[in-house]
PDB file of N, CA and C in Angstrom:
ATOM      1  N   MET A   1      -2.701-105.378   5.247  1.00  0.00           N
ATOM      2  CA  MET A   1      -1.602-104.925   6.066  1.00  0.00           C
ATOM      3  C   MET A   1      -1.142-106.084   6.951  1.00  0.00           C
ATOM      4  N   ILE A   2       0.166-106.172   7.119  1.00  0.00           N
ATOM      5  CA  ILE A   2       0.773-107.165   8.003  1.00  0.00           C
ATOM      6  C   ILE A   2       1.108-106.467   9.320  1.00  0.00           C
ATOM      7  N   ILE A   3       0.729-107.089  10.420  1.00  0.00           N
ATOM      8  CA  ILE A   3       0.927-106.477  11.736  1.00  0.00           C
ATOM      9  C   ILE A   3       1.739-107.390  12.633  1.00  0.00           C
ATOM     10  N   GLU A   4       2.737-106.790  13.266  1.00  0.00           N
ATOM     11  CA  GLU A   4       3.456-107.464  14.343  1.00  0.00           C
ATOM     12  C   GLU A   4       2.796-107.028  15.646  1.00  0.00           C
ATOM     13  N   MET A   5       2.322-107.978  16.414  1.00  0.00           N
ATOM     14  CA  MET A   5       1.795-107.701  17.750  1.00  0.00           C
ATOM     15  C   MET A   5       2.933-108.019  18.710  1.00  0.00           C
ATOM     16  N   ARG A   6       3.488-106.984  19.335  1.00  0.00           N
ATOM     17  CA  ARG A   6       4.732-107.106  20.090  1.00  0.00           C
ATOM     18  C   ARG A   6       4.484-106.920  21.590  1.00  0.00           C
ATOM     19  N   THR A   7       5.061-107.810  22.388  1.00  0.00           N
ATOM     20  CA  THR A   7       5.004-107.749  23.840  1.00  0.00           C
ATOM     21  C   THR A   7       6.431-107.680  24.359  1.00  0.00           C
ATOM     22  N   TYR A   8       6.710-106.667  25.167  1.00  0.00           N
ATOM     23  CA  TYR A   8       8.043-106.490  25.737  1.00  0.00           C
ATOM     24  C   TYR A   8       7.989-106.655  27.250  1.00  0.00           C
ATOM     25  N   LYS A   9       8.870-107.484  27.773  1.00  0.00           N
ATOM     26  CA  LYS A   9       9.096-107.624  29.215  1.00  0.00           C
ATOM     27  C   LYS A   9      10.430-106.950  29.485  1.00  0.00           C
ATOM     28  N   LEU A  10      10.384-105.852  30.237  1.00  0.00           N
ATOM     29  CA  LEU A  10      11.587-105.086  30.518  1.00  0.00           C
ATOM     30  C   LEU A  10      12.162-105.462  31.873  1.00  0.00           C
ATOM     31  N   LYS A  11      13.391-105.095  32.084  1.00  0.00           N
ATOM     32  CA  LYS A  11      14.003-105.294  33.389  1.00  0.00           C
ATOM     33  C   LYS A  11      13.274-104.399  34.392  1.00  0.00           C
ATOM     34  N   PRO A  12      13.233-104.793  35.645  1.00  0.00           N
ATOM     35  CA  PRO A  12      12.446-104.055  36.642  1.00  0.00           C
ATOM     36  C   PRO A  12      12.809-102.572  36.726  1.00  0.00           C
ATOM     37  N   GLY A  13      11.750-101.755  36.732  1.00  0.00           N
ATOM     38  CA  GLY A  13      11.890-100.340  36.989  1.00  0.00           C
ATOM     39  C   GLY A  13      12.308 -99.445  35.836  1.00  0.00           C
ATOM     40  N   VAL A  14      12.411 -99.972  34.620  1.00  0.00           N
ATOM     41  CA  VAL A  14      12.906 -99.146  33.507  1.00  0.00           C
ATOM     42  C   VAL A  14      11.841 -98.794  32.468  1.00  0.00           C
ATOM     43  N   ARG A  15      10.598 -99.218  32.694  1.00  0.00           N
ATOM     44  CA  ARG A  15       9.582 -99.047  31.652  1.00  0.00           C
ATOM     45  C   ARG A  15       9.384 -97.588  31.259  1.00  0.00           C
ATOM     46  N   GLU A  16       9.281 -96.675  32.197  1.00  0.00           N
ATOM     47  CA  GLU A  16       9.040 -95.276  31.847  1.00  0.00           C
ATOM     48  C   GLU A  16      10.202 -94.694  31.048  1.00  0.00           C
ATOM     49  N   LYS A  17      11.420 -95.020  31.430  1.00  0.00           N
ATOM     50  CA  LYS A  17      12.589 -94.546  30.686  1.00  0.00           C
ATOM     51  C   LYS A  17      12.583 -95.126  29.265  1.00  0.00           C
ATOM     52  N   PHE A  18      12.332 -96.439  29.150  1.00  0.00           N
ATOM     53  CA  PHE A  18      12.286 -97.091  27.848  1.00  0.00           C
ATOM     54  C   PHE A  18      11.233 -96.425  26.963  1.00  0.00           C
ATOM     55  N   LEU A  19      10.024 -96.248  27.506  1.00  0.00           N
ATOM     56  CA  LEU A  19       8.935 -95.691  26.710  1.00  0.00           C
ATOM     57  C   LEU A  19       9.192 -94.243  26.316  1.00  0.00           C
ATOM     58  N   ALA A  20       9.868 -93.486  27.157  1.00  0.00           N
ATOM     59  CA  ALA A  20      10.204 -92.100  26.800  1.00  0.00           C
ATOM     60  C   ALA A  20      11.116 -92.067  25.576  1.00  0.00           C
ATOM     61  N   VAL A  21      12.122 -92.927  25.550  1.00  0.00           N
ATOM     62  CA  VAL A  21      13.033 -92.997  24.406  1.00  0.00           C
ATOM     63  C   VAL A  21      12.306 -93.558  23.191  1.00  0.00           C
ATOM     64  N   PHE A  22      11.500 -94.594  23.403  1.00  0.00           N
ATOM     65  CA  PHE A  22      10.727 -95.225  22.331  1.00  0.00           C
ATOM     66  C   PHE A  22       9.832 -94.196  21.640  1.00  0.00           C
ATOM     67  N   ARG A  23       9.102 -93.413  22.440  1.00  0.00           N
ATOM     68  CA  ARG A  23       8.190 -92.412  21.869  1.00  0.00           C
ATOM     69  C   ARG A  23       8.944 -91.276  21.171  1.00  0.00           C
ATOM     70  N   ALA A  24      10.013 -90.827  21.775  1.00  0.00           N
ATOM     71  CA  ALA A  24      10.735 -89.662  21.249  1.00  0.00           C
ATOM     72  C   ALA A  24      11.602 -89.977  20.038  1.00  0.00           C
ATOM     73  N   LYS A  25      12.187 -91.152  19.998  1.00  0.00           N
ATOM     74  CA  LYS A  25      13.181 -91.462  18.955  1.00  0.00           C
ATOM     75  C   LYS A  25      12.733 -92.581  18.009  1.00  0.00           C
ATOM     76  N   SER A  26      12.314 -93.702  18.572  1.00  0.00           N
ATOM     77  CA  SER A  26      12.018 -94.878  17.756  1.00  0.00           C
ATOM     78  C   SER A  26      10.748 -94.707  16.918  1.00  0.00           C
ATOM     79  N   MET A  27       9.689 -94.212  17.528  1.00  0.00           N
ATOM     80  CA  MET A  27       8.431 -94.068  16.795  1.00  0.00           C
ATOM     81  C   MET A  27       8.551 -93.111  15.609  1.00  0.00           C
ATOM     82  N   PRO A  28       9.167 -91.934  15.757  1.00  0.00           N
ATOM     83  CA  PRO A  28       9.331 -91.065  14.580  1.00  0.00           C
ATOM     84  C   PRO A  28      10.181 -91.703  13.485  1.00  0.00           C
ATOM     85  N   ALA A  29      11.210 -92.453  13.863  1.00  0.00           N
ATOM     86  CA  ALA A  29      12.052 -93.122  12.864  1.00  0.00           C
ATOM     87  C   ALA A  29      11.264 -94.184  12.113  1.00  0.00           C
ATOM     88  N   HIS A  30      10.411 -94.924  12.813  1.00  0.00           N
ATOM     89  CA  HIS A  30       9.547 -95.903  12.153  1.00  0.00           C
ATOM     90  C   HIS A  30       8.627 -95.208  11.150  1.00  0.00           C
ATOM     91  N   ASP A  31       8.056 -94.101  11.584  1.00  0.00           N
ATOM     92  CA  ASP A  31       7.123 -93.360  10.725  1.00  0.00           C
ATOM     93  C   ASP A  31       7.804 -92.867   9.454  1.00  0.00           C
ATOM     94  N   GLU A  32       9.026 -92.389   9.571  1.00  0.00           N
ATOM     95  CA  GLU A  32       9.773 -91.915   8.402  1.00  0.00           C
ATOM     96  C   GLU A  32       9.977 -93.022   7.373  1.00  0.00           C
ATOM     97  N   ILE A  33      10.118 -94.251   7.845  1.00  0.00           N
ATOM     98  CA  ILE A  33      10.327 -95.400   6.953  1.00  0.00           C
ATOM     99  C   ILE A  33       9.006 -95.892   6.364  1.00  0.00           C
ATOM    100  N   GLY A  34       7.890 -95.542   7.013  1.00  0.00           N
ATOM    101  CA  GLY A  34       6.590 -95.992   6.535  1.00  0.00           C
ATOM    102  C   GLY A  34       5.977 -97.107   7.361  1.00  0.00           C
ATOM    103  N   MET A  35       6.616 -97.449   8.488  1.00  0.00           N
ATOM    104  CA  MET A  35       6.048 -98.442   9.398  1.00  0.00           C
ATOM    105  C   MET A  35       5.093 -97.725  10.341  1.00  0.00           C
ATOM    106  N   LYS A  36       3.917 -98.288  10.497  1.00  0.00           N
ATOM    107  CA  LYS A  36       2.912 -97.715  11.384  1.00  0.00           C
ATOM    108  C   LYS A  36       3.076 -98.315  12.778  1.00  0.00           C
ATOM    109  N   ILE A  37       2.847 -97.499  13.804  1.00  0.00           N
ATOM    110  CA  ILE A  37       2.873 -97.999  15.178  1.00  0.00           C
ATOM    111  C   ILE A  37       1.602 -97.559  15.888  1.00  0.00           C
ATOM    112  N   LEU A  38       0.964 -98.509  16.548  1.00  0.00           N
ATOM    113  CA  LEU A  38      -0.134 -98.232  17.468  1.00  0.00           C
ATOM    114  C   LEU A  38       0.344 -98.625  18.855  1.00  0.00           C
ATOM    115  N   GLY A  39       0.099 -97.766  19.808  1.00  0.00           N
ATOM    116  CA  GLY A  39       0.598 -97.993  21.157  1.00  0.00           C
ATOM    117  C   GLY A  39       1.691 -96.979  21.390  1.00  0.00           C
ATOM    118  N   PRO A  40       2.493 -97.211  22.369  1.00  0.00           N
ATOM    119  CA  PRO A  40       2.549 -98.385  23.237  1.00  0.00           C
ATOM    120  C   PRO A  40       1.482 -98.327  24.332  1.00  0.00           C
ATOM    121  N   TRP A  41       1.135 -99.523  24.802  1.00  0.00           N
ATOM    122  CA  TRP A  41       0.175 -99.662  25.881  1.00  0.00           C
ATOM    123  C   TRP A  41       0.854-100.352  27.057  1.00  0.00           C
ATOM    124  N   PRO A  42       1.067 -99.629  28.153  1.00  0.00           N
ATOM    125  CA  PRO A  42       1.654-100.251  29.346  1.00  0.00           C
ATOM    126  C   PRO A  42       0.657-101.218  29.984  1.00  0.00           C
ATOM    127  N   SER A  43       1.150-102.350  30.435  1.00  0.00           N
ATOM    128  CA  SER A  43       0.321-103.325  31.136  1.00  0.00           C
ATOM    129  C   SER A  43      -0.163-102.751  32.460  1.00  0.00           C
ATOM    130  N   ILE A  44      -1.403-103.002  32.784  1.00  0.00           N
ATOM    131  CA  ILE A  44      -1.945-102.616  34.077  1.00  0.00           C
ATOM    132  C   ILE A  44      -1.503-103.609  35.148  1.00  0.00           C
ATOM    133  N   GLU A  45      -1.322-104.858  34.757  1.00  0.00           N
ATOM    134  CA  GLU A  45      -1.031-105.927  35.714  1.00  0.00           C
ATOM    135  C   GLU A  45       0.449-106.093  36.031  1.00  0.00           C
ATOM    136  N   ASP A  46       1.327-105.643  35.145  1.00  0.00           N
ATOM    137  CA  ASP A  46       2.756-105.841  35.359  1.00  0.00           C
ATOM    138  C   ASP A  46       3.487-104.554  34.987  1.00  0.00           C
ATOM    139  N   PRO A  47       4.172-103.913  35.937  1.00  0.00           N
ATOM    140  CA  PRO A  47       4.826-102.634  35.666  1.00  0.00           C
ATOM    141  C   PRO A  47       6.040-102.720  34.750  1.00  0.00           C
ATOM    142  N   ASP A  48       6.407-103.919  34.333  1.00  0.00           N
ATOM    143  CA  ASP A  48       7.571-104.100  33.474  1.00  0.00           C
ATOM    144  C   ASP A  48       7.209-104.557  32.062  1.00  0.00           C
ATOM    145  N   ILE A  49       5.919-104.578  31.740  1.00  0.00           N
ATOM    146  CA  ILE A  49       5.467-105.057  30.426  1.00  0.00           C
ATOM    147  C   ILE A  49       4.729-103.943  29.686  1.00  0.00           C
ATOM    148  N   PHE A  50       4.937-103.907  28.362  1.00  0.00           N
ATOM    149  CA  PHE A  50       4.113-103.060  27.501  1.00  0.00           C
ATOM    150  C   PHE A  50       3.918-103.762  26.168  1.00  0.00           C
ATOM    151  N   PHE A  51       2.929-103.283  25.425  1.00  0.00           N
ATOM    152  CA  PHE A  51       2.538-103.859  24.140  1.00  0.00           C
ATOM    153  C   PHE A  51       2.499-102.757  23.089  1.00  0.00           C
ATOM    154  N   PHE A  52       2.738-103.133  21.850  1.00  0.00           N
ATOM    155  CA  PHE A  52       2.456-102.228  20.735  1.00  0.00           C
ATOM    156  C   PHE A  52       2.295-103.055  19.475  1.00  0.00           C
ATOM    157  N   MET A  53       1.721-102.425  18.459  1.00  0.00           N
ATOM    158  CA  MET A  53       1.572-103.064  17.159  1.00  0.00           C
ATOM    159  C   MET A  53       2.367-102.265  16.144  1.00  0.00           C
ATOM    160  N   ARG A  54       3.043-102.988  15.268  1.00  0.00           N
ATOM    161  CA  ARG A  54       3.826-102.357  14.196  1.00  0.00           C
ATOM    162  C   ARG A  54       3.303-102.896  12.876  1.00  0.00           C
ATOM    163  N   GLY A  55       2.920-101.990  11.968  1.00  0.00           N
ATOM    164  CA  GLY A  55       2.289-102.397  10.725  1.00  0.00           C
ATOM    165  C   GLY A  55       3.138-102.130   9.496  1.00  0.00           C
ATOM    166  N   PHE A  56       2.989-103.021   8.525  1.00  0.00           N
ATOM    167  CA  PHE A  56       3.690-102.958   7.243  1.00  0.00           C
ATOM    168  C   PHE A  56       2.660-103.083   6.119  1.00  0.00           C
ATOM    169  N   PRO A  57       2.894-102.422   4.999  1.00  0.00           N
ATOM    170  CA  PRO A  57       1.921-102.493   3.902  1.00  0.00           C
ATOM    171  C   PRO A  57       1.618-103.922   3.446  1.00  0.00           C
ATOM    172  N   ASP A  58       2.656-104.784   3.414  1.00  0.00           N
ATOM    173  CA  ASP A  58       2.483-106.166   2.978  1.00  0.00           C
ATOM    174  C   ASP A  58       3.676-106.980   3.475  1.00  0.00           C
ATOM    175  N   LEU A  59       3.598-108.279   3.312  1.00  0.00           N
ATOM    176  CA  LEU A  59       4.652-109.168   3.818  1.00  0.00           C
ATOM    177  C   LEU A  59       5.987-108.921   3.121  1.00  0.00           C
ATOM    178  N   GLU A  60       5.943-108.601   1.831  1.00  0.00           N
ATOM    179  CA  GLU A  60       7.171-108.388   1.068  1.00  0.00           C
ATOM    180  C   GLU A  60       7.951-107.164   1.541  1.00  0.00           C
ATOM    181  N   SER A  61       7.257-106.163   2.038  1.00  0.00           N
ATOM    182  CA  SER A  61       7.934-104.938   2.476  1.00  0.00           C
ATOM    183  C   SER A  61       8.464-105.038   3.905  1.00  0.00           C
ATOM    184  N   ARG A  62       8.029-106.036   4.652  1.00  0.00           N
ATOM    185  CA  ARG A  62       8.375-106.120   6.073  1.00  0.00           C
ATOM    186  C   ARG A  62       9.876-106.197   6.314  1.00  0.00           C
ATOM    187  N   GLU A  63      10.554-107.144   5.722  1.00  0.00           N
ATOM    188  CA  GLU A  63      11.987-107.318   5.975  1.00  0.00           C
ATOM    189  C   GLU A  63      12.810-106.123   5.498  1.00  0.00           C
ATOM    190  N   PRO A  64      12.579-105.604   4.289  1.00  0.00           N
ATOM    191  CA  PRO A  64      13.351-104.417   3.881  1.00  0.00           C
ATOM    192  C   PRO A  64      13.116-103.198   4.775  1.00  0.00           C
ATOM    193  N   MET A  65      11.898-103.003   5.246  1.00  0.00           N
ATOM    194  CA  MET A  65      11.616-101.868   6.116  1.00  0.00           C
ATOM    195  C   MET A  65      12.284-102.042   7.479  1.00  0.00           C
ATOM    196  N   LYS A  66      12.221-103.262   8.005  1.00  0.00           N
ATOM    197  CA  LYS A  66      12.903-103.534   9.276  1.00  0.00           C
ATOM    198  C   LYS A  66      14.402-103.340   9.129  1.00  0.00           C
ATOM    199  N   ALA A  67      14.960-103.804   8.026  1.00  0.00           N
ATOM    200  CA  ALA A  67      16.402-103.653   7.791  1.00  0.00           C
ATOM    201  C   ALA A  67      16.783-102.181   7.724  1.00  0.00           C
ATOM    202  N   LYS A  68      15.962-101.374   7.088  1.00  0.00           N
ATOM    203  CA  LYS A  68      16.261 -99.943   6.998  1.00  0.00           C
ATOM    204  C   LYS A  68      16.340 -99.316   8.387  1.00  0.00           C
ATOM    205  N   PHE A  69      15.473 -99.747   9.292  1.00  0.00           N
ATOM    206  CA  PHE A  69      15.502 -99.227  10.658  1.00  0.00           C
ATOM    207  C   PHE A  69      16.698 -99.788  11.435  1.00  0.00           C
ATOM    208  N   TYR A  70      16.812-101.120  11.492  1.00  0.00           N
ATOM    209  CA  TYR A  70      17.822-101.757  12.345  1.00  0.00           C
ATOM    210  C   TYR A  70      19.249-101.642  11.809  1.00  0.00           C
ATOM    211  N   GLU A  71      19.410-101.346  10.549  1.00  0.00           N
ATOM    212  CA  GLU A  71      20.743-101.121   9.997  1.00  0.00           C
ATOM    213  C   GLU A  71      21.062 -99.635   9.873  1.00  0.00           C
ATOM    214  N   GLY A  72      20.112 -98.796  10.287  1.00  0.00           N
ATOM    215  CA  GLY A  72      20.282 -97.355  10.190  1.00  0.00           C
ATOM    216  C   GLY A  72      21.143 -96.778  11.299  1.00  0.00           C
ATOM    217  N   GLN A  73      21.575 -95.564  11.069  1.00  0.00           N
ATOM    218  CA  GLN A  73      22.470 -94.865  11.989  1.00  0.00           C
ATOM    219  C   GLN A  73      21.842 -94.671  13.373  1.00  0.00           C
ATOM    220  N   LEU A  74      20.571 -94.281  13.429  1.00  0.00           N
ATOM    221  CA  LEU A  74      19.921 -94.047  14.715  1.00  0.00           C
ATOM    222  C   LEU A  74      19.955 -95.296  15.584  1.00  0.00           C
ATOM    223  N   TRP A  75      19.574 -96.445  15.010  1.00  0.00           N
ATOM    224  CA  TRP A  75      19.561 -97.685  15.788  1.00  0.00           C
ATOM    225  C   TRP A  75      20.972 -98.102  16.170  1.00  0.00           C
ATOM    226  N   LYS A  76      21.852 -98.156  15.202  1.00  0.00           N
ATOM    227  CA  LYS A  76      23.210 -98.667  15.435  1.00  0.00           C
ATOM    228  C   LYS A  76      24.030 -97.784  16.366  1.00  0.00           C
ATOM    229  N   GLN A  77      23.888 -96.474  16.248  1.00  0.00           N
ATOM    230  CA  GLN A  77      24.749 -95.580  17.013  1.00  0.00           C
ATOM    231  C   GLN A  77      24.127 -95.061  18.300  1.00  0.00           C
ATOM    232  N   GLU A  78      22.815 -95.253  18.474  1.00  0.00           N
ATOM    233  CA  GLU A  78      22.177 -94.691  19.664  1.00  0.00           C
ATOM    234  C   GLU A  78      21.205 -95.657  20.337  1.00  0.00           C
ATOM    235  N   LEU A  79      20.146 -96.013  19.652  1.00  0.00           N
ATOM    236  CA  LEU A  79      19.062 -96.741  20.303  1.00  0.00           C
ATOM    237  C   LEU A  79      19.429 -98.159  20.733  1.00  0.00           C
ATOM    238  N   GLU A  80      20.182 -98.859  19.939  1.00  0.00           N
ATOM    239  CA  GLU A  80      20.530-100.237  20.288  1.00  0.00           C
ATOM    240  C   GLU A  80      21.219-100.299  21.652  1.00  0.00           C
ATOM    241  N   ASN A  81      22.168 -99.416  21.880  1.00  0.00           N
ATOM    242  CA  ASN A  81      22.923 -99.429  23.135  1.00  0.00           C
ATOM    243  C   ASN A  81      22.118 -98.909  24.321  1.00  0.00           C
ATOM    244  N   VAL A  82      21.088 -98.140  24.057  1.00  0.00           N
ATOM    245  CA  VAL A  82      20.248 -97.604  25.131  1.00  0.00           C
ATOM    246  C   VAL A  82      19.103 -98.564  25.454  1.00  0.00           C
ATOM    247  N   LEU A  83      18.407 -99.040  24.428  1.00  0.00           N
ATOM    248  CA  LEU A  83      17.190 -99.828  24.645  1.00  0.00           C
ATOM    249  C   LEU A  83      17.434-101.316  24.914  1.00  0.00           C
ATOM    250  N   MET A  84      18.320-101.928  24.177  1.00  0.00           N
ATOM    251  CA  MET A  84      18.501-103.379  24.318  1.00  0.00           C
ATOM    252  C   MET A  84      18.876-103.820  25.737  1.00  0.00           C
ATOM    253  N   PRO A  85      19.724-103.087  26.455  1.00  0.00           N
ATOM    254  CA  PRO A  85      20.043-103.520  27.822  1.00  0.00           C
ATOM    255  C   PRO A  85      18.848-103.487  28.780  1.00  0.00           C
ATOM    256  N   MET A  86      17.790-102.764  28.430  1.00  0.00           N
ATOM    257  CA  MET A  86      16.612-102.685  29.291  1.00  0.00           C
ATOM    258  C   MET A  86      15.619-103.823  29.049  1.00  0.00           C
ATOM    259  N   ILE A  87      15.790-104.569  27.961  1.00  0.00           N
ATOM    260  CA  ILE A  87      14.829-105.608  27.586  1.00  0.00           C
ATOM    261  C   ILE A  87      15.227-106.947  28.202  1.00  0.00           C
ATOM    262  N   GLU A  88      14.270-107.537  28.903  1.00  0.00           N
ATOM    263  CA  GLU A  88      14.465-108.895  29.410  1.00  0.00           C
ATOM    264  C   GLU A  88      14.116-109.907  28.321  1.00  0.00           C
ATOM    265  N   LYS A  89      12.967-109.695  27.670  1.00  0.00           N
ATOM    266  CA  LYS A  89      12.565-110.542  26.537  1.00  0.00           C
ATOM    267  C   LYS A  89      11.451-109.836  25.786  1.00  0.00           C
ATOM    268  N   TYR A  90      11.228-110.293  24.556  1.00  0.00           N
ATOM    269  CA  TYR A  90      10.093-109.785  23.795  1.00  0.00           C
ATOM    270  C   TYR A  90       9.557-110.905  22.925  1.00  0.00           C
ATOM    271  N   ASP A  91       8.277-110.798  22.611  1.00  0.00           N
ATOM    272  CA  ASP A  91       7.600-111.771  21.764  1.00  0.00           C
ATOM    273  C   ASP A  91       6.902-111.028  20.639  1.00  0.00           C
ATOM    274  N   VAL A  92       6.881-111.661  19.463  1.00  0.00           N
ATOM    275  CA  VAL A  92       6.231-111.078  18.292  1.00  0.00           C
ATOM    276  C   VAL A  92       5.284-112.112  17.696  1.00  0.00           C
ATOM    277  N   VAL A  93       4.048-111.697  17.458  1.00  0.00           N
ATOM    278  CA  VAL A  93       3.077-112.519  16.745  1.00  0.00           C
ATOM    279  C   VAL A  93       2.734-111.756  15.473  1.00  0.00           C
ATOM    280  N   LEU A  94       2.886-112.411  14.343  1.00  0.00           N
ATOM    281  CA  LEU A  94       2.629-111.790  13.046  1.00  0.00           C
ATOM    282  C   LEU A  94       1.223-112.162  12.588  1.00  0.00           C
ATOM    283  N   VAL A  95       0.421-111.132  12.256  1.00  0.00           N
ATOM    284  CA  VAL A  95      -0.945-111.365  11.800  1.00  0.00           C
ATOM    285  C   VAL A  95      -1.200-110.594  10.512  1.00  0.00           C
ATOM    286  N   ASP A  96      -2.209-111.044   9.777  1.00  0.00           N
ATOM    287  CA  ASP A  96      -2.602-110.398   8.525  1.00  0.00           C
ATOM    288  C   ASP A  96      -3.927-109.680   8.747  1.00  0.00           C
ATOM    289  N   ASP A  97      -3.920-108.369   8.601  1.00  0.00           N
ATOM    290  CA  ASP A  97      -5.133-107.575   8.734  1.00  0.00           C
ATOM    291  C   ASP A  97      -5.704-107.314   7.340  1.00  0.00           C
ATOM    292  N   ALA A  98      -5.951-108.387   6.605  1.00  0.00           N
ATOM    293  CA  ALA A  98      -6.433-108.293   5.223  1.00  0.00           C
ATOM    294  C   ALA A  98      -7.761-107.547   5.122  1.00  0.00           C
ATOM    295  N   GLU A  99      -8.580-107.594   6.175  1.00  0.00           N
ATOM    296  CA  GLU A  99      -9.869-106.932   6.148  1.00  0.00           C
ATOM    297  C   GLU A  99      -9.777-105.471   6.570  1.00  0.00           C
ATOM    298  N   GLY A 100      -8.595-105.006   6.958  1.00  0.00           N
ATOM    299  CA  GLY A 100      -8.409-103.610   7.328  1.00  0.00           C
ATOM    300  C   GLY A 100      -9.147-103.207   8.587  1.00  0.00           C
ATOM    301  N   LEU A 101      -9.186-104.100   9.576  1.00  0.00           N
ATOM    302  CA  LEU A 101      -9.910-103.816  10.812  1.00  0.00           C
ATOM    303  C   LEU A 101      -9.185-102.850  11.740  1.00  0.00           C
ATOM    304  N   VAL A 102      -7.854-102.816  11.650  1.00  0.00           N
ATOM    305  CA  VAL A 102      -7.072-101.924  12.494  1.00  0.00           C
ATOM    306  C   VAL A 102      -7.115-100.531  11.899  1.00  0.00           C
ATOM    307  N   ARG A 103      -7.394 -99.539  12.716  1.00  0.00           N
ATOM    308  CA  ARG A 103      -7.447 -98.138  12.293  1.00  0.00           C
ATOM    309  C   ARG A 103      -6.203 -97.424  12.776  1.00  0.00           C
ATOM    310  N   TRP A 104      -5.331 -97.067  11.854  1.00  0.00           N
ATOM    311  CA  TRP A 104      -4.087 -96.392  12.183  1.00  0.00           C
ATOM    312  C   TRP A 104      -4.358 -94.912  12.280  1.00  0.00           C
ATOM    313  N   GLU A 105      -3.751 -94.259  13.241  1.00  0.00           N
ATOM    314  CA  GLU A 105      -3.943 -92.828  13.437  1.00  0.00           C
ATOM    315  C   GLU A 105      -3.085 -92.030  12.502  1.00  0.00           C
TER     316      GLU A 105
END
């Protein structure tokens, strides 16, 4: 499995609103496409940061699955305009969980 380890730095004071939309709308849409999500985990040290992991069956499926989400109606017509203005920056580290150490729920 290929995993994106994602860190989001949000604009001050919007983390709870962002995570509410993320949990209610974005996570189910990812699941429908077959992308696994673990998290999100809010930072204890910074009230504007959270982390999550997004998993793909293999490297070849990653781009098509992401395209299905980001080119889809939900993202284009709703989530992009709601979530993107709340993000200050985000970082992604791509790792290979070839040994299957991550346990998806």
